[in-house]
Amino acid sequence: MRILVINPNTTVAMTEQIGRAARAAAASGTEIIAVNPMDGPVSIEGYSDEAFSVPGLLAEIAKGDATGFPHIATGLEAAHSVSFAPVIGIGEAAFHLASMLGHRFSVVTTLSRSIAATRKQSVEVRTGRSLRQGASMRASGSFTR
């Protein structure tokens, strides 16, 4: 199996770390290629960053489609509309896993402006119930620009 992991931000060190984590979790014989676009935000911390990440994301999806890779990405609505391969978001995958591991879960994100988009995404993947049942979503404030 071949999996293309697209980090939609432009931070190469983060892309490399994502690639290492994906390779460590992948089954033997799985080829993992981690890429990021040349242009876009350095991190995705809310709706605005997500919007600005979409052009680079779509370009990476087009490159991946040309080589036959399935994808893991953000900018899901746009990605689903242009890709022929299955697409799952990083947050979406995390919410699904968390909802399988327990009845409730909490999310810690870096900036408070991320909370609205993250909460909306959790509802879209049908795990919002877990967040509304007393679990929390908070910003750590550990990232500044």
Foldseek 3Di string as FASTA:
>chain_A
DEAEEEELAQAVVVQVVVQVVCVVPDDPPYHYHTDYFNDAHNHDQADVRLVRSVVRVLVVQVVCQVVVHAYEDPVVVSSVVRHPHHYHYPLLVVLVVVVVVDQAEEAEAADPNNVVVSLVVSVVSVNNVRPPPPYYYYHPVPDDD
